[in-house]
Amino acid sequence: MSCPIIGSVGSRRQGAFSGTEDLQLGMLAAVYTSDEVSRPWLGEVQAIEDGDTVKIHWYMGGYPKSWKPMSGTNSTSSVHRESLLLRGFTLTEKSQRLTSETAAELKRLYQETDDRMTIQQERISEEE
């Protein structure tokens, strides 16, 4: 397993719950979703809740697009800490976009997690 990435790209998680102790309010985070079409899911950590959840204020945007906070009743939700793929990264100052390094790392993490999920599903199917 590779080491966590720290610095301009951000921090990645290493397995369930590990590495989430450094979560801070206001930190940007990318969240795993199995829906490949709607990726990436980004938001700002608004609260670190009891148990294993984090409240996220969602952002709208895309890999090549600018990001901005969503508004309205569906703009926040709670997610499991283990679903955080990348955190602590920043957007470009003027255009509010993902840096090319962060976008590449995020795509890699989504693919890596997809591969793990496929292996888990195959194991579950074999056991049934």
Foldseek 3Di string as FASTA:
>chain_A
DDDFDPDQLFTFADAAPPPCPPDDFQKKWWFADPPPVPDTWIFTFHADDPDFKTKTQTWDAHQVAAIDTDDDDPRIDIDGNRRTGGIRHFADDPRRHHDPVNSVSVVVSNVVVVVVVVVVVVVVVVVD
